[in-house]
Amino acid sequence: MDRNKLTKLIHIAKNNARVCPDCGKVLFRPKCPDCGKKTVQLDEARYRRILESFGSSSCRFMAEPELEKVYSFFIQAGFKPSGDPAKEHEVSRRRTIAITIAEAKALFGEDLWEKRLMGFVEKTIGKQSLRACDDKELRKAIGWIRRYRKYLEIREKEKHDEEGN
């Protein structure tokens, strides 16, 4: 694991770490399993003491082996890192694409949604598919669908108001 990733994971662990006020154990639970006391948030002073026990009072000044030891300390205390950020980002992208397609189908219907959405993506964004779009371009596509839906709703309301007069 590289230095930057280790530092990020250590800081995430630090923010989630808790300490038993009686026995002083670093934990990642609301109650101490040994004494049953409610744990409190790890304070900055204790965090610095933990770092100093591995070589320095700041991750910035630690070498990669020292950072790995700090990270191992938090893992042994019960820290469970979340999934891979790249995978989480990809899942988020797929969800955004699915929402965009669902909203396009609801707005344009099963027959026209792909033609309308792909026309917008190709003409305005200059990409061949939604999957080729970056996050900003996906937001632009979903924003266009939502603005277009709002435009149609306003137009329908105006039409209804004219018929009522």
Foldseek 3Di string as FASTA:
>chain_A
DDLVVLQVLLVVLLQQWWAAPPPGAIANDQADPPPGGGTGRDDLVVQQVLLVVLPGSDSVPDDPVSSVVSSVSSVVRPDDDDDDPVVVVVVVLVVLVVVLQVLLCVQVNPPCSVVVLQVCCCPPVVDRDSVVDDPVSSVVSSVVSVVVVVVVVVVVVVVVVVVVD
